[in-house]
Amino acid sequence: MKAIFADTGYWIALLNPRDELHRKALSVSEGLGAVRIVTSEMVLAELLNHFADKSGPLRSAAVKTARQLLANPNVEVVPQTSVQFREGLTKYGDWADKPWSLTDCTSFAVMAERSIHEALTYDRHFEQTGHVALLRQG
């Protein structure tokens, strides 16, 4: 089964109906077909951090979503390990000329390890590394 990586911006867009990419994220999701979604604990941490200053439904939805993703057998949530963190930190340092976050650097490594070429994201950083940013398509 084909695997697609899901980045933080995708999860944010799905959760927040006021997000400018909400409709695009829904539309792309509907057209995915049978795929395995891969994301990471670092991505989920970014998702939760994004909604940290929000009270009420969005923060609660982020918590619920993170728990559902962790329990979903069709979603692989790659755990954050010390090795992953160190490798991401090395890439982060090596790519000091790029505005890529530590989470981006570890996401690129996860995608490379699993030969994933497409990402549910609008983030141009993924395109800069040769991946397809599905929320930027069509």
N, C-alpha and C. Protein backbone atom coordinates (compact mmCIF):
# COMPACT_ATOMS: atom_id res chain seq x y z
N MET A 1 0.85 -1.18 0.00
CA MET A 1 0.00 0.00 0.00
C MET A 1 0.89 1.24 0.00
N LYS A 2 0.52 2.21 -0.78
CA LYS A 2 1.26 3.46 -0.89
C LYS A 2 1.21 4.22 0.43
N ALA A 3 2.34 4.82 0.81
CA ALA A 3 2.41 5.62 2.03
C ALA A 3 2.59 7.09 1.66
N ILE A 4 1.94 7.95 2.44
CA ILE A 4 2.05 9.40 2.27
C ILE A 4 2.34 9.99 3.65
N PHE A 5 3.27 10.93 3.69
CA PHE A 5 3.61 11.58 4.96
C PHE A 5 2.65 12.75 5.22
N ALA A 6 2.20 12.89 6.45
CA ALA A 6 1.31 13.99 6.83
C ALA A 6 2.05 14.94 7.76
N ASP A 7 2.18 16.19 7.33
CA ASP A 7 2.89 17.23 8.07
C ASP A 7 1.91 18.01 8.97
N THR A 8 2.47 18.80 9.84
CA THR A 8 1.70 19.57 10.82
C THR A 8 0.63 20.44 10.18
N GLY A 9 1.00 21.17 9.12
CA GLY A 9 0.05 22.09 8.49
C GLY A 9 -1.19 21.40 7.97
N TYR A 10 -1.05 20.17 7.55
CA TYR A 10 -2.20 19.38 7.08
C TYR A 10 -3.17 19.14 8.23
N TRP A 11 -2.63 18.67 9.37
CA TRP A 11 -3.49 18.39 10.52
C TRP A 11 -4.17 19.66 11.02
N ILE A 12 -3.42 20.76 11.03
CA ILE A 12 -4.00 22.05 11.46
C ILE A 12 -5.14 22.45 10.53
N ALA A 13 -4.90 22.33 9.22
CA ALA A 13 -5.94 22.70 8.25
C ALA A 13 -7.18 21.84 8.39
N LEU A 14 -7.01 20.55 8.63
CA LEU A 14 -8.18 19.67 8.81
C LEU A 14 -8.99 20.06 10.04
N LEU A 15 -8.29 20.41 11.11
CA LEU A 15 -8.98 20.69 12.38
C LEU A 15 -9.66 22.05 12.43
N ASN A 16 -9.08 23.02 11.76
CA ASN A 16 -9.58 24.39 11.89
C ASN A 16 -10.36 24.81 10.64
N PRO A 17 -11.69 24.87 10.74
CA PRO A 17 -12.51 25.26 9.59
C PRO A 17 -12.20 26.67 9.08
N ARG A 18 -11.55 27.49 9.88
CA ARG A 18 -11.21 28.85 9.47
C ARG A 18 -9.82 28.93 8.83
N ASP A 19 -9.10 27.83 8.83
CA ASP A 19 -7.78 27.81 8.20
C ASP A 19 -7.94 27.97 6.69
N GLU A 20 -7.08 28.75 6.07
CA GLU A 20 -7.20 29.01 4.63
C GLU A 20 -7.03 27.74 3.78
N LEU A 21 -6.43 26.70 4.34
CA LEU A 21 -6.23 25.45 3.61
C LEU A 21 -7.24 24.36 3.99
N HIS A 22 -8.22 24.71 4.81
CA HIS A 22 -9.17 23.71 5.30
C HIS A 22 -9.86 22.97 4.15
N ARG A 23 -10.43 23.69 3.23
CA ARG A 23 -11.15 23.04 2.12
C ARG A 23 -10.21 22.22 1.24
N LYS A 24 -9.03 22.74 1.00
CA LYS A 24 -8.05 22.03 0.19
C LYS A 24 -7.65 20.72 0.89
N ALA A 25 -7.42 20.78 2.19
CA ALA A 25 -7.05 19.57 2.95
C ALA A 25 -8.16 18.54 2.90
N LEU A 26 -9.41 18.97 3.02
CA LEU A 26 -10.54 18.05 2.93
C LEU A 26 -10.62 17.44 1.53
N SER A 27 -10.48 18.26 0.52
CA SER A 27 -10.56 17.80 -0.87
C SER A 27 -9.45 16.79 -1.19
N VAL A 28 -8.23 17.10 -0.80
CA VAL A 28 -7.11 16.18 -1.04
C VAL A 28 -7.33 14.88 -0.28
N SER A 29 -7.81 14.98 0.95
CA SER A 29 -8.07 13.78 1.76
C SER A 29 -9.07 12.86 1.08
N GLU A 30 -10.12 13.44 0.54
CA GLU A 30 -11.17 12.65 -0.13
C GLU A 30 -10.64 11.92 -1.35
N GLY A 31 -9.63 12.48 -2.00
CA GLY A 31 -9.10 11.89 -3.22
C GLY A 31 -7.92 10.95 -3.02
N LEU A 32 -7.56 10.67 -1.79
CA LEU A 32 -6.37 9.85 -1.53
C LEU A 32 -6.53 8.38 -1.89
N GLY A 33 -7.71 7.85 -1.71
CA GLY A 33 -7.90 6.42 -1.94
C GLY A 33 -7.25 5.61 -0.82
N ALA A 34 -6.84 4.41 -1.16
CA ALA A 34 -6.25 3.51 -0.15
C ALA A 34 -4.77 3.84 0.01
N VAL A 35 -4.45 4.54 1.09
CA VAL A 35 -3.07 4.88 1.41
C VAL A 35 -2.84 4.67 2.89
N ARG A 36 -1.58 4.55 3.22
CA ARG A 36 -1.17 4.51 4.63
C ARG A 36 -0.60 5.88 4.96
N ILE A 37 -1.12 6.50 5.99
CA ILE A 37 -0.63 7.80 6.42
C ILE A 37 0.50 7.59 7.43
N VAL A 38 1.61 8.27 7.19
CA VAL A 38 2.74 8.25 8.10
C VAL A 38 2.92 9.67 8.62
N THR A 39 3.07 9.80 9.91
CA THR A 39 3.35 11.09 10.54
C THR A 39 4.32 10.80 11.68
N SER A 40 4.59 11.76 12.52
CA SER A 40 5.54 11.51 13.60
C SER A 40 5.08 12.16 14.90
N GLU A 41 5.66 11.69 15.99
CA GLU A 41 5.37 12.30 17.28
C GLU A 41 5.80 13.76 17.28
N MET A 42 6.87 14.08 16.55
CA MET A 42 7.32 15.48 16.48
C MET A 42 6.28 16.34 15.77
N VAL A 43 5.67 15.80 14.72
CA VAL A 43 4.60 16.51 14.02
C VAL A 43 3.41 16.70 14.97
N LEU A 44 3.06 15.66 15.70
CA LEU A 44 1.94 15.80 16.64
C LEU A 44 2.25 16.80 17.74
N ALA A 45 3.51 16.86 18.17
CA ALA A 45 3.90 17.86 19.17
C ALA A 45 3.72 19.27 18.61
N GLU A 46 4.10 19.47 17.35
CA GLU A 46 3.89 20.78 16.71
C GLU A 46 2.41 21.11 16.61
N LEU A 47 1.60 20.10 16.27
CA LEU A 47 0.15 20.31 16.19
C LEU A 47 -0.40 20.77 17.54
N LEU A 48 -0.05 20.05 18.58
CA LEU A 48 -0.54 20.40 19.91
C LEU A 48 0.00 21.77 20.35
N ASN A 49 1.26 22.05 20.04
CA ASN A 49 1.83 23.36 20.38
C ASN A 49 1.11 24.49 19.65
N HIS A 50 0.72 24.24 18.42
CA HIS A 50 0.01 25.27 17.63
C HIS A 50 -1.28 25.71 18.32
N PHE A 51 -1.97 24.75 18.92
CA PHE A 51 -3.26 25.06 19.56
C PHE A 51 -3.13 25.29 21.07
N ALA A 52 -1.91 25.38 21.59
CA ALA A 52 -1.69 25.50 23.03
C ALA A 52 -2.32 26.76 23.62
N ASP A 53 -2.30 27.85 22.87
CA ASP A 53 -2.86 29.09 23.42
C ASP A 53 -4.34 29.26 23.11
N LYS A 54 -4.92 28.24 22.54
CA LYS A 54 -6.36 28.27 22.24
C LYS A 54 -7.09 27.50 23.34
N SER A 55 -8.15 28.06 23.80
CA SER A 55 -8.97 27.29 24.74
C SER A 55 -10.19 26.79 23.98
N GLY A 56 -10.85 25.84 24.56
CA GLY A 56 -12.09 25.39 23.97
C GLY A 56 -11.94 24.35 22.89
N PRO A 57 -12.80 24.45 21.85
CA PRO A 57 -12.94 23.35 20.91
C PRO A 57 -11.70 23.01 20.08
N LEU A 58 -10.92 23.99 19.65
CA LEU A 58 -9.76 23.67 18.82
C LEU A 58 -8.68 22.93 19.59
N ARG A 59 -8.42 23.37 20.80
CA ARG A 59 -7.42 22.67 21.62
C ARG A 59 -7.91 21.26 21.94
N SER A 60 -9.16 21.13 22.29
CA SER A 60 -9.74 19.80 22.57
C SER A 60 -9.70 18.92 21.32
N ALA A 61 -9.99 19.50 20.16
CA ALA A 61 -9.96 18.73 18.91
C ALA A 61 -8.54 18.26 18.60
N ALA A 62 -7.55 19.08 18.91
CA ALA A 62 -6.16 18.69 18.67
C ALA A 62 -5.77 17.50 19.55
N VAL A 63 -6.17 17.54 20.80
CA VAL A 63 -5.89 16.42 21.71
C VAL A 63 -6.60 15.15 21.23
N LYS A 64 -7.86 15.30 20.87
CA LYS A 64 -8.63 14.15 20.39
C LYS A 64 -8.00 13.57 19.12
N THR A 65 -7.62 14.44 18.20
CA THR A 65 -7.00 13.99 16.95
C THR A 65 -5.70 13.25 17.21
N ALA A 66 -4.84 13.79 18.05
CA ALA A 66 -3.58 13.13 18.36
C ALA A 66 -3.83 11.74 18.95
N ARG A 67 -4.77 11.64 19.86
CA ARG A 67 -5.09 10.33 20.45
C ARG A 67 -5.66 9.36 19.41
N GLN A 68 -6.52 9.85 18.53
CA GLN A 68 -7.09 9.00 17.49
C GLN A 68 -6.02 8.51 16.51
N LEU A 69 -5.11 9.39 16.15
CA LEU A 69 -4.04 9.00 15.23
C LEU A 69 -3.15 7.94 15.85
N LEU A 70 -2.84 8.10 17.12
CA LEU A 70 -2.00 7.11 17.82
C LEU A 70 -2.68 5.74 17.89
N ALA A 71 -4.00 5.72 17.91
CA ALA A 71 -4.74 4.46 18.03
C ALA A 71 -5.17 3.88 16.68
N ASN A 72 -5.00 4.64 15.61
CA ASN A 72 -5.48 4.22 14.29
C ASN A 72 -4.50 3.25 13.62
N PRO A 73 -4.94 2.02 13.33
CA PRO A 73 -4.03 1.05 12.71
C PRO A 73 -3.62 1.41 11.27
N ASN A 74 -4.33 2.33 10.64
CA ASN A 74 -3.99 2.77 9.28
C ASN A 74 -3.06 3.97 9.26
N VAL A 75 -2.67 4.44 10.43
CA VAL A 75 -1.75 5.57 10.55
C VAL A 75 -0.54 5.11 11.33
N GLU A 76 0.63 5.38 10.78
CA GLU A 76 1.87 5.09 11.50
C GLU A 76 2.39 6.39 12.08
N VAL A 77 2.46 6.45 13.40
CA VAL A 77 3.03 7.61 14.08
C VAL A 77 4.44 7.21 14.51
N VAL A 78 5.42 7.75 13.81
CA VAL A 78 6.81 7.41 14.09
C VAL A 78 7.22 8.04 15.42
N PRO A 79 7.69 7.21 16.36
CA PRO A 79 8.07 7.76 17.66
C PRO A 79 9.32 8.62 17.58
N GLN A 80 9.37 9.61 18.46
CA GLN A 80 10.58 10.42 18.56
C GLN A 80 11.56 9.66 19.45
N THR A 81 12.71 9.37 18.88
CA THR A 81 13.75 8.67 19.64
C THR A 81 14.95 9.60 19.79
N SER A 82 15.83 9.24 20.67
CA SER A 82 17.07 10.01 20.83
C SER A 82 17.88 10.00 19.55
N VAL A 83 17.91 8.85 18.87
CA VAL A 83 18.65 8.74 17.61
C VAL A 83 18.04 9.67 16.57
N GLN A 84 16.72 9.63 16.44
CA GLN A 84 16.04 10.50 15.47
C GLN A 84 16.32 11.97 15.78
N PHE A 85 16.26 12.31 17.05
CA PHE A 85 16.52 13.70 17.44
C PHE A 85 17.93 14.11 17.06
N ARG A 86 18.90 13.27 17.36
CA ARG A 86 20.30 13.59 17.04
C ARG A 86 20.53 13.69 15.54
N GLU A 87 19.94 12.78 14.78
CA GLU A 87 20.08 12.83 13.32
C GLU A 87 19.42 14.10 12.76
N GLY A 88 18.26 14.44 13.29
CA GLY A 88 17.58 15.66 12.87
C GLY A 88 18.41 16.89 13.23
N LEU A 89 19.01 16.87 14.39
CA LEU A 89 19.85 17.99 14.83
C LEU A 89 21.07 18.14 13.91
N THR A 90 21.65 17.02 13.51
CA THR A 90 22.78 17.07 12.59
C THR A 90 22.36 17.69 11.27
N LYS A 91 21.23 17.24 10.71
CA LYS A 91 20.74 17.79 9.44
C LYS A 91 20.39 19.28 9.61
N TYR A 92 19.80 19.61 10.73
CA TYR A 92 19.44 21.00 11.03
C TYR A 92 20.70 21.87 11.00
N GLY A 93 21.76 21.38 11.59
CA GLY A 93 23.03 22.10 11.58
C GLY A 93 23.68 22.14 10.21
N ASP A 94 23.61 21.02 9.49
CA ASP A 94 24.21 20.95 8.15
C ASP A 94 23.49 21.85 7.16
N TRP A 95 22.19 22.03 7.35
CA TRP A 95 21.39 22.83 6.43
C TRP A 95 21.10 24.21 7.01
N ALA A 96 22.10 24.81 7.61
CA ALA A 96 21.92 26.10 8.28
C ALA A 96 21.51 27.21 7.32
N ASP A 97 21.74 27.01 6.03
CA ASP A 97 21.35 28.01 5.04
C ASP A 97 19.87 27.91 4.67
N LYS A 98 19.18 26.89 5.20
CA LYS A 98 17.75 26.68 4.92
C LYS A 98 16.93 27.02 6.15
N PRO A 99 15.73 27.56 5.96
CA PRO A 99 14.88 27.89 7.11
C PRO A 99 14.03 26.70 7.59
N TRP A 100 14.59 25.50 7.47
CA TRP A 100 13.85 24.30 7.83
C TRP A 100 13.90 24.07 9.33
N SER A 101 12.75 23.72 9.90
CA SER A 101 12.68 23.44 11.33
C SER A 101 13.28 22.08 11.65
N LEU A 102 13.52 21.84 12.91
CA LEU A 102 14.01 20.53 13.35
C LEU A 102 12.99 19.45 12.98
N THR A 103 11.72 19.75 13.13
CA THR A 103 10.68 18.79 12.75
C THR A 103 10.73 18.51 11.25
N ASP A 104 10.93 19.53 10.44
CA ASP A 104 11.09 19.31 8.99
C ASP A 104 12.24 18.35 8.74
N CYS A 105 13.38 18.61 9.36
CA CYS A 105 14.57 17.77 9.14
C CYS A 105 14.32 16.32 9.51
N THR A 106 13.62 16.08 10.61
CA THR A 106 13.33 14.69 10.98
C THR A 106 12.26 14.10 10.06
N SER A 107 11.33 14.93 9.60
CA SER A 107 10.30 14.45 8.67
C SER A 107 10.94 14.00 7.35
N PHE A 108 11.90 14.78 6.86
CA PHE A 108 12.59 14.40 5.62
C PHE A 108 13.31 13.07 5.80
N ALA A 109 13.89 12.86 6.98
CA ALA A 109 14.60 11.60 7.25
C ALA A 109 13.61 10.43 7.29
N VAL A 110 12.46 10.62 7.92
CA VAL A 110 11.43 9.57 7.96
C VAL A 110 10.98 9.23 6.55
N MET A 111 10.77 10.25 5.74
CA MET A 111 10.33 10.02 4.37
C MET A 111 11.39 9.27 3.57
N ALA A 112 12.64 9.63 3.76
CA ALA A 112 13.73 8.95 3.05
C ALA A 112 13.83 7.49 3.47
N GLU A 113 13.73 7.23 4.77
CA GLU A 113 13.82 5.85 5.29
C GLU A 113 12.73 4.96 4.72
N ARG A 114 11.56 5.54 4.46
CA ARG A 114 10.40 4.77 4.00
C ARG A 114 10.13 4.95 2.50
N SER A 115 11.02 5.63 1.82
CA SER A 115 10.86 5.90 0.37
C SER A 115 9.51 6.55 0.07
N ILE A 116 9.13 7.53 0.88
CA ILE A 116 7.89 8.28 0.68
C ILE A 116 8.23 9.55 -0.10
N HIS A 117 7.48 9.80 -1.16
CA HIS A 117 7.78 10.95 -2.02
C HIS A 117 6.72 12.05 -1.95
N GLU A 118 5.56 11.73 -1.38
CA GLU A 118 4.47 12.71 -1.31
C GLU A 118 4.16 13.04 0.14
N ALA A 119 3.81 14.31 0.34
CA ALA A 119 3.47 14.76 1.69
C ALA A 119 2.18 15.56 1.68
N LEU A 120 1.37 15.31 2.67
CA LEU A 120 0.18 16.12 2.89
C LEU A 120 0.66 17.38 3.61
N THR A 121 0.98 18.38 2.81
CA THR A 121 1.53 19.63 3.32
C THR A 121 1.40 20.72 2.27
N TYR A 122 1.48 21.95 2.70
CA TYR A 122 1.58 23.09 1.79
C TYR A 122 2.98 23.69 1.87
N ASP A 123 3.78 23.16 2.75
CA ASP A 123 5.11 23.67 3.07
C ASP A 123 6.07 23.48 1.88
N ARG A 124 6.58 24.58 1.35
CA ARG A 124 7.52 24.55 0.22
C ARG A 124 8.82 23.82 0.57
N HIS A 125 9.14 23.75 1.85
CA HIS A 125 10.38 23.08 2.25
C HIS A 125 10.40 21.64 1.76
N PHE A 126 9.25 21.01 1.70
CA PHE A 126 9.18 19.64 1.20
C PHE A 126 9.52 19.60 -0.29
N GLU A 127 9.04 20.57 -1.03
CA GLU A 127 9.38 20.64 -2.46
C GLU A 127 10.88 20.91 -2.65
N GLN A 128 11.46 21.69 -1.77
CA GLN A 128 12.89 22.00 -1.87
C GLN A 128 13.76 20.74 -1.71
N THR A 129 13.20 19.72 -1.09
CA THR A 129 13.95 18.46 -0.91
C THR A 129 13.52 17.41 -1.93
N GLY A 130 12.72 17.83 -2.93
CA GLY A 130 12.34 16.91 -4.00
C GLY A 130 11.06 16.14 -3.76
N HIS A 131 10.33 16.47 -2.72
CA HIS A 131 9.07 15.79 -2.43
C HIS A 131 7.91 16.56 -3.07
N VAL A 132 6.77 15.90 -3.18
CA VAL A 132 5.56 16.51 -3.70
C VAL A 132 4.72 16.98 -2.52
N ALA A 133 4.43 18.29 -2.50
CA ALA A 133 3.57 18.88 -1.47
C ALA A 133 2.14 18.86 -2.00
N LEU A 134 1.37 17.89 -1.57
CA LEU A 134 0.05 17.64 -2.17
C LEU A 134 -0.94 18.80 -2.01
N LEU A 135 -0.81 19.59 -0.96
CA LEU A 135 -1.73 20.72 -0.79
C LEU A 135 -1.38 21.88 -1.69
N ARG A 136 -0.27 21.80 -2.40
CA ARG A 136 0.13 22.83 -3.36
C ARG A 136 -0.26 22.45 -4.78
N GLN A 137 -0.73 21.23 -4.97
CA GLN A 137 -1.07 20.72 -6.30
C GLN A 137 -2.44 21.22 -6.74
N GLY A 138 -2.60 21.43 -8.06
CA GLY A 138 -3.87 21.77 -8.69
C GLY A 138 -4.62 22.79 -8.00
